[in-house]
N, C-alpha and C. Protein backbone atom coordinates (compact mmCIF):
# COMPACT_ATOMS: atom_id res chain seq x y z
N MET A 1 41.81 12.15 16.70
CA MET A 1 41.32 12.77 15.49
C MET A 1 40.50 14.01 15.83
N TRP A 2 39.50 13.90 16.68
CA TRP A 2 38.60 15.02 16.94
C TRP A 2 39.21 16.05 17.88
N GLN A 3 40.35 15.74 18.48
CA GLN A 3 40.95 16.71 19.38
C GLN A 3 41.68 17.81 18.64
N ARG A 4 41.89 17.68 17.36
CA ARG A 4 42.55 18.70 16.56
C ARG A 4 41.51 19.68 16.02
N ILE A 5 41.84 20.96 16.06
CA ILE A 5 40.90 21.99 15.61
C ILE A 5 40.65 21.89 14.11
N GLN A 6 41.68 21.44 13.35
CA GLN A 6 41.48 21.35 11.90
C GLN A 6 40.45 20.29 11.54
N THR A 7 40.28 19.28 12.37
CA THR A 7 39.24 18.29 12.12
C THR A 7 37.87 18.90 12.29
N LEU A 8 37.72 19.76 13.27
CA LEU A 8 36.44 20.45 13.44
C LEU A 8 36.17 21.40 12.28
N TYR A 9 37.20 22.10 11.82
CA TYR A 9 37.04 22.97 10.65
C TYR A 9 36.60 22.16 9.43
N LEU A 10 37.23 21.02 9.21
CA LEU A 10 36.87 20.18 8.08
C LEU A 10 35.46 19.60 8.24
N ALA A 11 35.06 19.30 9.47
CA ALA A 11 33.71 18.78 9.71
C ALA A 11 32.66 19.84 9.39
N VAL A 12 32.90 21.07 9.82
CA VAL A 12 31.96 22.16 9.51
C VAL A 12 31.89 22.38 8.00
N SER A 13 33.04 22.35 7.35
CA SER A 13 33.09 22.53 5.90
C SER A 13 32.33 21.42 5.18
N THR A 14 32.48 20.19 5.66
CA THR A 14 31.77 19.06 5.06
C THR A 14 30.27 19.19 5.25
N VAL A 15 29.84 19.57 6.43
CA VAL A 15 28.41 19.73 6.71
C VAL A 15 27.82 20.82 5.82
N LEU A 16 28.53 21.94 5.68
CA LEU A 16 28.03 23.02 4.83
C LEU A 16 27.93 22.59 3.37
N SER A 17 28.92 21.84 2.90
CA SER A 17 28.87 21.41 1.50
C SER A 17 27.74 20.41 1.25
N VAL A 18 27.46 19.56 2.22
CA VAL A 18 26.34 18.62 2.07
C VAL A 18 25.01 19.36 2.18
N LEU A 19 24.94 20.37 3.04
CA LEU A 19 23.71 21.16 3.16
C LEU A 19 23.36 21.87 1.86
N MET A 20 24.35 22.20 1.07
CA MET A 20 24.08 22.87 -0.20
C MET A 20 23.24 21.99 -1.13
N LEU A 21 23.33 20.68 -0.95
CA LEU A 21 22.52 19.78 -1.79
C LEU A 21 21.04 19.91 -1.48
N PHE A 22 20.69 20.36 -0.28
CA PHE A 22 19.30 20.42 0.13
C PHE A 22 18.74 21.84 0.18
N CYS A 23 19.58 22.83 -0.10
CA CYS A 23 19.14 24.23 -0.03
C CYS A 23 18.83 24.77 -1.42
N ASP A 24 18.07 25.85 -1.42
CA ASP A 24 17.77 26.54 -2.67
C ASP A 24 18.79 27.63 -2.91
N LYS A 25 19.06 27.86 -4.20
CA LYS A 25 19.98 28.93 -4.57
C LYS A 25 19.26 30.27 -4.58
N ALA A 26 18.19 30.32 -5.31
CA ALA A 26 17.41 31.56 -5.43
C ALA A 26 15.97 31.18 -5.73
N GLY A 27 15.04 31.79 -5.02
CA GLY A 27 13.64 31.49 -5.27
C GLY A 27 13.35 30.02 -5.03
N ASP A 28 12.83 29.37 -6.05
CA ASP A 28 12.56 27.94 -5.98
C ASP A 28 13.59 27.13 -6.75
N ILE A 29 14.68 27.74 -7.14
CA ILE A 29 15.73 27.07 -7.90
C ILE A 29 16.73 26.47 -6.93
N SER A 30 16.92 25.16 -7.00
CA SER A 30 17.87 24.51 -6.10
C SER A 30 19.22 24.36 -6.80
N PHE A 31 20.23 24.08 -6.01
CA PHE A 31 21.56 23.86 -6.57
C PHE A 31 21.61 22.60 -7.42
N VAL A 32 20.84 21.60 -7.05
CA VAL A 32 20.89 20.33 -7.76
C VAL A 32 20.09 20.33 -9.06
N SER A 33 19.36 21.40 -9.32
CA SER A 33 18.60 21.45 -10.57
C SER A 33 19.50 21.73 -11.77
N TYR A 34 20.68 22.27 -11.52
CA TYR A 34 21.64 22.55 -12.59
C TYR A 34 22.81 21.60 -12.40
N VAL A 35 23.02 20.72 -13.38
CA VAL A 35 23.96 19.61 -13.24
C VAL A 35 25.41 20.05 -12.94
N PRO A 36 25.96 21.09 -13.58
CA PRO A 36 27.33 21.48 -13.21
C PRO A 36 27.46 21.91 -11.75
N TYR A 37 26.46 22.59 -11.21
CA TYR A 37 26.48 22.92 -9.78
C TYR A 37 26.48 21.64 -8.94
N LEU A 38 25.64 20.71 -9.32
CA LEU A 38 25.53 19.45 -8.60
C LEU A 38 26.88 18.72 -8.60
N ILE A 39 27.53 18.66 -9.74
CA ILE A 39 28.82 17.97 -9.84
C ILE A 39 29.86 18.65 -8.95
N LEU A 40 29.92 19.98 -9.00
CA LEU A 40 30.88 20.70 -8.17
C LEU A 40 30.61 20.50 -6.68
N ILE A 41 29.35 20.54 -6.29
CA ILE A 41 29.01 20.36 -4.88
C ILE A 41 29.35 18.95 -4.41
N ILE A 42 29.09 17.96 -5.25
CA ILE A 42 29.43 16.57 -4.89
C ILE A 42 30.94 16.42 -4.78
N LEU A 43 31.70 17.00 -5.70
CA LEU A 43 33.16 16.92 -5.63
C LEU A 43 33.70 17.60 -4.37
N ILE A 44 33.17 18.76 -4.06
CA ILE A 44 33.61 19.48 -2.86
C ILE A 44 33.28 18.65 -1.61
N SER A 45 32.10 18.07 -1.57
CA SER A 45 31.70 17.25 -0.41
C SER A 45 32.58 16.02 -0.27
N LEU A 46 32.86 15.36 -1.38
CA LEU A 46 33.71 14.17 -1.33
C LEU A 46 35.14 14.51 -0.92
N LEU A 47 35.68 15.60 -1.44
CA LEU A 47 37.03 16.00 -1.05
C LEU A 47 37.08 16.39 0.43
N ASN A 48 36.07 17.08 0.92
CA ASN A 48 36.03 17.42 2.34
C ASN A 48 35.93 16.17 3.20
N LEU A 49 35.10 15.22 2.79
CA LEU A 49 34.97 13.97 3.52
C LEU A 49 36.27 13.18 3.49
N LEU A 50 36.94 13.19 2.36
CA LEU A 50 38.22 12.51 2.24
C LEU A 50 39.28 13.17 3.13
N ALA A 51 39.30 14.48 3.14
CA ALA A 51 40.25 15.19 4.00
C ALA A 51 39.92 14.95 5.48
N LEU A 52 38.66 14.82 5.79
CA LEU A 52 38.25 14.59 7.18
C LEU A 52 38.67 13.21 7.68
N THR A 53 38.66 12.22 6.81
CA THR A 53 38.93 10.84 7.24
C THR A 53 40.37 10.40 7.07
N THR A 54 41.22 11.21 6.47
CA THR A 54 42.62 10.81 6.25
C THR A 54 43.57 11.59 7.15
N TRP A 55 43.30 11.59 8.44
CA TRP A 55 44.11 12.38 9.37
C TRP A 55 45.51 11.81 9.56
N LYS A 56 45.74 10.55 9.21
CA LYS A 56 47.07 9.96 9.37
C LYS A 56 48.02 10.37 8.24
N PHE A 57 47.48 10.80 7.14
CA PHE A 57 48.28 11.21 5.98
C PHE A 57 48.14 12.72 5.81
N ARG A 58 48.94 13.45 6.56
CA ARG A 58 48.77 14.90 6.66
C ARG A 58 48.99 15.63 5.33
N VAL A 59 49.97 15.22 4.54
CA VAL A 59 50.23 15.92 3.27
C VAL A 59 49.05 15.70 2.32
N PHE A 60 48.54 14.49 2.26
CA PHE A 60 47.37 14.20 1.42
C PHE A 60 46.15 14.97 1.92
N GLN A 61 45.97 15.02 3.23
CA GLN A 61 44.86 15.76 3.83
C GLN A 61 44.97 17.24 3.49
N PHE A 62 46.17 17.79 3.57
CA PHE A 62 46.41 19.18 3.23
C PHE A 62 46.05 19.46 1.77
N ARG A 63 46.49 18.58 0.89
CA ARG A 63 46.22 18.78 -0.55
C ARG A 63 44.74 18.67 -0.88
N THR A 64 44.04 17.74 -0.26
CA THR A 64 42.61 17.62 -0.55
C THR A 64 41.84 18.81 0.00
N ALA A 65 42.26 19.34 1.14
CA ALA A 65 41.59 20.53 1.68
C ALA A 65 41.81 21.73 0.76
N ILE A 66 43.01 21.89 0.23
CA ILE A 66 43.29 22.99 -0.69
C ILE A 66 42.53 22.81 -2.00
N LEU A 67 42.48 21.59 -2.52
CA LEU A 67 41.75 21.34 -3.77
C LEU A 67 40.25 21.60 -3.57
N SER A 68 39.72 21.21 -2.43
CA SER A 68 38.32 21.50 -2.13
C SER A 68 38.08 23.00 -2.07
N SER A 69 39.03 23.74 -1.51
CA SER A 69 38.92 25.20 -1.46
C SER A 69 38.90 25.80 -2.86
N LEU A 70 39.77 25.29 -3.72
CA LEU A 70 39.81 25.81 -5.10
C LEU A 70 38.50 25.56 -5.83
N LEU A 71 37.93 24.38 -5.63
CA LEU A 71 36.64 24.07 -6.26
C LEU A 71 35.52 24.94 -5.69
N ALA A 72 35.59 25.20 -4.39
CA ALA A 72 34.58 26.07 -3.77
C ALA A 72 34.71 27.51 -4.28
N ILE A 73 35.93 27.96 -4.51
CA ILE A 73 36.14 29.29 -5.10
C ILE A 73 35.55 29.33 -6.51
N ALA A 74 35.77 28.26 -7.27
CA ALA A 74 35.21 28.20 -8.62
C ALA A 74 33.68 28.22 -8.59
N LEU A 75 33.10 27.48 -7.64
CA LEU A 75 31.65 27.46 -7.51
C LEU A 75 31.11 28.84 -7.13
N GLN A 76 31.79 29.52 -6.21
CA GLN A 76 31.34 30.84 -5.80
C GLN A 76 31.46 31.84 -6.95
N ALA A 77 32.55 31.74 -7.71
CA ALA A 77 32.71 32.64 -8.86
C ALA A 77 31.60 32.39 -9.87
N TRP A 78 31.26 31.13 -10.08
CA TRP A 78 30.19 30.79 -11.01
C TRP A 78 28.85 31.34 -10.51
N LEU A 79 28.62 31.26 -9.20
CA LEU A 79 27.39 31.81 -8.64
C LEU A 79 27.33 33.33 -8.79
N VAL A 80 28.46 34.00 -8.63
CA VAL A 80 28.50 35.45 -8.80
C VAL A 80 28.22 35.83 -10.25
N VAL A 81 28.83 35.11 -11.18
CA VAL A 81 28.57 35.37 -12.60
C VAL A 81 27.11 35.10 -12.92
N ASP A 82 26.57 34.03 -12.37
CA ASP A 82 25.16 33.71 -12.59
C ASP A 82 24.25 34.81 -12.03
N PHE A 83 24.63 35.37 -10.89
CA PHE A 83 23.86 36.46 -10.29
C PHE A 83 23.93 37.72 -11.15
N ILE A 84 25.11 38.02 -11.69
CA ILE A 84 25.28 39.22 -12.51
C ILE A 84 24.56 39.08 -13.84
N VAL A 85 24.64 37.90 -14.44
CA VAL A 85 24.04 37.68 -15.76
C VAL A 85 22.52 37.67 -15.70
N THR A 86 21.96 37.20 -14.59
CA THR A 86 20.51 37.12 -14.46
C THR A 86 19.94 38.54 -14.45
N GLY A 87 19.09 38.81 -15.42
CA GLY A 87 18.57 40.15 -15.57
C GLY A 87 17.40 40.50 -14.67
N ASN A 88 16.67 39.50 -14.19
CA ASN A 88 15.48 39.80 -13.40
C ASN A 88 15.77 39.91 -11.90
N ASP A 89 17.02 39.95 -11.50
CA ASP A 89 17.47 40.14 -10.13
C ASP A 89 16.76 39.24 -9.12
N PRO A 90 16.99 37.93 -9.17
CA PRO A 90 16.38 37.05 -8.17
C PRO A 90 17.05 37.24 -6.80
N MET A 91 16.32 36.99 -5.76
CA MET A 91 16.89 37.05 -4.42
C MET A 91 17.60 35.74 -4.13
N PHE A 92 18.90 35.81 -3.96
CA PHE A 92 19.67 34.62 -3.63
C PHE A 92 19.54 34.34 -2.14
N HIS A 93 19.52 33.06 -1.77
CA HIS A 93 19.40 32.65 -0.38
C HIS A 93 20.77 32.68 0.30
N VAL A 94 20.77 32.46 1.59
CA VAL A 94 22.00 32.44 2.38
C VAL A 94 22.93 31.33 1.90
N ALA A 95 22.38 30.26 1.41
CA ALA A 95 23.19 29.13 0.95
C ALA A 95 24.09 29.51 -0.22
N ALA A 96 23.83 30.61 -0.86
CA ALA A 96 24.67 31.03 -1.99
C ALA A 96 26.05 31.51 -1.52
N VAL A 97 26.20 31.82 -0.23
CA VAL A 97 27.51 32.22 0.28
C VAL A 97 28.19 31.09 1.06
N PHE A 98 27.60 29.91 1.08
CA PHE A 98 28.23 28.77 1.73
C PHE A 98 29.61 28.46 1.15
N PRO A 99 29.83 28.56 -0.18
CA PRO A 99 31.18 28.29 -0.68
C PRO A 99 32.26 29.19 -0.08
N VAL A 100 31.93 30.43 0.21
CA VAL A 100 32.91 31.33 0.84
C VAL A 100 33.25 30.83 2.24
N ILE A 101 32.25 30.41 2.98
CA ILE A 101 32.47 29.89 4.33
C ILE A 101 33.27 28.59 4.27
N ILE A 102 32.96 27.76 3.27
CA ILE A 102 33.70 26.51 3.07
C ILE A 102 35.17 26.80 2.81
N VAL A 103 35.45 27.78 1.97
CA VAL A 103 36.84 28.15 1.67
C VAL A 103 37.55 28.61 2.94
N ILE A 104 36.90 29.44 3.73
CA ILE A 104 37.52 29.94 4.96
C ILE A 104 37.86 28.79 5.90
N PHE A 105 36.92 27.89 6.11
CA PHE A 105 37.19 26.76 7.02
C PHE A 105 38.24 25.81 6.45
N ASN A 106 38.25 25.60 5.14
CA ASN A 106 39.27 24.73 4.55
C ASN A 106 40.66 25.35 4.66
N ILE A 107 40.77 26.65 4.48
CA ILE A 107 42.07 27.31 4.62
C ILE A 107 42.54 27.24 6.07
N LEU A 108 41.64 27.47 7.02
CA LEU A 108 42.01 27.34 8.43
C LEU A 108 42.45 25.91 8.76
N ALA A 109 41.75 24.93 8.22
CA ALA A 109 42.12 23.54 8.44
C ALA A 109 43.47 23.23 7.80
N ALA A 110 43.71 23.73 6.59
CA ALA A 110 44.98 23.48 5.91
C ALA A 110 46.14 24.09 6.70
N ARG A 111 45.93 25.27 7.27
CA ARG A 111 46.98 25.88 8.10
C ARG A 111 47.29 25.00 9.31
N GLY A 112 46.26 24.47 9.96
CA GLY A 112 46.47 23.59 11.10
C GLY A 112 47.16 22.29 10.72
N ILE A 113 46.77 21.73 9.59
CA ILE A 113 47.38 20.49 9.11
C ILE A 113 48.86 20.73 8.81
N TRP A 114 49.16 21.84 8.15
CA TRP A 114 50.54 22.14 7.80
C TRP A 114 51.38 22.40 9.04
N ALA A 115 50.80 23.04 10.05
CA ALA A 115 51.52 23.27 11.31
C ALA A 115 51.85 21.94 11.99
N ASP A 116 50.90 21.00 11.97
CA ASP A 116 51.16 19.68 12.53
C ASP A 116 52.25 18.96 11.76
N GLU A 117 52.23 19.07 10.44
CA GLU A 117 53.24 18.42 9.61
C GLU A 117 54.63 18.99 9.90
N LEU A 118 54.72 20.30 10.04
CA LEU A 118 56.02 20.91 10.35
C LEU A 118 56.50 20.49 11.74
N MET A 119 55.60 20.36 12.69
CA MET A 119 55.98 19.92 14.03
C MET A 119 56.49 18.48 14.00
N VAL A 120 55.83 17.61 13.25
CA VAL A 120 56.26 16.21 13.14
C VAL A 120 57.61 16.13 12.44
N ARG A 121 57.81 16.93 11.40
CA ARG A 121 59.11 16.92 10.70
C ARG A 121 60.23 17.39 11.60
N SER A 122 59.99 18.42 12.39
CA SER A 122 61.06 18.91 13.27
C SER A 122 61.36 17.90 14.36
N ALA A 123 60.34 17.22 14.88
CA ALA A 123 60.57 16.18 15.88
C ALA A 123 61.34 15.01 15.28
N SER A 124 61.03 14.66 14.05
CA SER A 124 61.75 13.58 13.38
C SER A 124 63.20 13.96 13.14
N ARG A 125 63.43 15.21 12.79
CA ARG A 125 64.79 15.68 12.57
C ARG A 125 65.58 15.65 13.87
N LEU A 126 64.94 16.04 14.97
CA LEU A 126 65.62 16.01 16.27
C LEU A 126 65.92 14.58 16.71
N ARG A 127 64.99 13.67 16.47
CA ARG A 127 65.23 12.26 16.82
C ARG A 127 66.36 11.66 15.99
N ALA A 128 66.39 12.03 14.71
CA ALA A 128 67.46 11.52 13.84
C ALA A 128 68.81 12.08 14.27
N ALA A 129 68.88 13.32 14.68
CA ALA A 129 70.13 13.91 15.15
C ALA A 129 70.58 13.25 16.45
N LYS A 130 69.63 12.89 17.30
CA LYS A 130 69.96 12.24 18.56
C LYS A 130 70.50 10.83 18.31
N ARG A 131 69.96 10.11 17.32
CA ARG A 131 70.44 8.77 17.01
C ARG A 131 71.85 8.77 16.43
N ARG A 132 72.21 9.83 15.72
CA ARG A 132 73.54 9.92 15.10
C ARG A 132 74.64 10.11 16.14
N LYS A 133 74.30 10.66 17.29
CA LYS A 133 75.33 10.92 18.31
C LYS A 133 75.74 9.70 19.04
């Protein structure tokens, strides 16, 4: 499990999503103080954890990594809109860009998962062709 690079990508993504629960968004405002942010962060964390632990089911792992990326994109878009709408220009913390980093690591992990799936399918096809002869 840990020898695959996509597992490390998913682990970093999971750690970053869990860290968002303990970080501040801007000033003294935390992510968990606003319930929709909290729900999105919990969903992203659970999907990353699910993708991290289901290495035997590559297609499911691929889909959960992509779904987690989509939710992280939605969270980042919401943060950008929140930043634009806020008139008093609060200073956002570094944790406000964690969703972008999560998306990057999830996409890298999904590429690795899909490459493994294609390799397994081609090996299965070759074994099936050998059995037919």
